[in-house]
Amino acid sequence: GRMTSDRGALLREGSPVAKAEQCRLASALAIIAGIAVTHVGGTQLAAACVQQYPHLTPLLLVWVGTGFNLLLLPLQLCRPRHGSLSALGPWAPRPARLVLLAAPFFALWVGANGMYVSALSWLSSSLVVSIFSVTPALVALLAGPILARPLTLTSTLAVATSVAGVVLAAEPWAATAGAPPPFGALCAFGAACCAALYKVLFRRFFGDASGWLLLLFLALLGGYAVSLGTPLLYVAQPGWPAALASLPAAGWLLMSGRCATDVLFNGLIALGLSVTHPLFVSLGTLLAMPLNLAVQLFLREVMPSATALLGICAICAGFGILMLDELRRTNGSRSWLGREAGRDMPGEEEERGGEIRRATAASSDVG
């Protein structure tokens, strides 16, 4: 009884565990803000690359951007010698398994980006964004069987509000006439499925991954892009070496900026998935749409319509619902921000239980 009451006291507001959860939530919000900013920056730079240099196809840009992840590999040399194995967590003694595990994640990444680009060739960008916005709903559905997180009424309301907001902000009915081609719609939906599965499985296998492990994982994706993606690029676009060779210095600078932004975006996605739940990150990425509309207003003086402004409010409201629910859970009990990590890595739940027991013992000694 004493242990139960002490554990409850530790989880109440103002306790060390509750403060740790609040810090985790604040970190998650900062990461999501960075995701939105880098997503908008990458989108604007990619659009500039394609518009100014038509021979830079989306497929070529995706390949170069993923290959840039290899630049993160030398940072592993900066890893402190003392405790270097613990920096990689349970993957330190089994690097071969980590390399093999990165392969299906690379396949999901290729599926998401490849089908997304294919959908853009069939449908308008606004309609593709609208269909792709079902990703948070798919994340919420997959989190049940994979992460054992039940689908609550609050998360369902947050997902529905955000998806409706994306549809209103994108206004697909204003950009297309008639029914969309079935193949393009299937590609956009397939991209959403791959993106949702990527997020949930990343949380399932890596949990609260360290920064060094995240850098190594992204470098592995870059390695797969160079080793496996290069032959595929030769098949899809045989003239890509000449396209890169004819690029002027300004084009290389623009493409490098876009690739650096893309690497930062992917790194923040991975970091966000290791800190919080995939649904939180997936809904947070939708915040890039209001920011993108603001950038368009600033750069091109394109005023959003009343429907788009209503959609922006709905996106922010959906994310706010989920955030307020998380604050409520944080004040009452250990939140789902770190709950699934105990299932991901064996022994982590016992370690957290040990932290609570040690804190309980310390509080009893003081008393």
Foldseek 3Di string as FASTA:
>chain_A
DLLVVLLQVCLAPPHPLLVVLVVLLVVLVVLLVLLLVLVLVLVVLVVVLCVVQVVCALLNLVLVLLLCLLVLVVCLVVQDPVCSQCLQPPCSVPVVVLLVVLVVLLVLVCLLSVLLSVLVVQAPPLVLQLLLLCLLVLLLVVCCVQLVDHNDPLLVLLSVLLSLLSNLQSVRVVVDDDDGDPSSSVSSNRSSNSVSVSLSVLCQAQALHHLSNLSVSSSSSSVCSVPVVVVVCCVVPVCVVVSVVPQDPVSVVSSVVSSVSSSSSVSSSSNSSNSFPSSLSSLSNSLSSVVSQVVCCVPVVDDGDPSSVSSNVSSVVSSVSVSVVQSVCSNRGNGRGRVSSPNNDDPPVVVVVVVSVVVSVVVVVVD
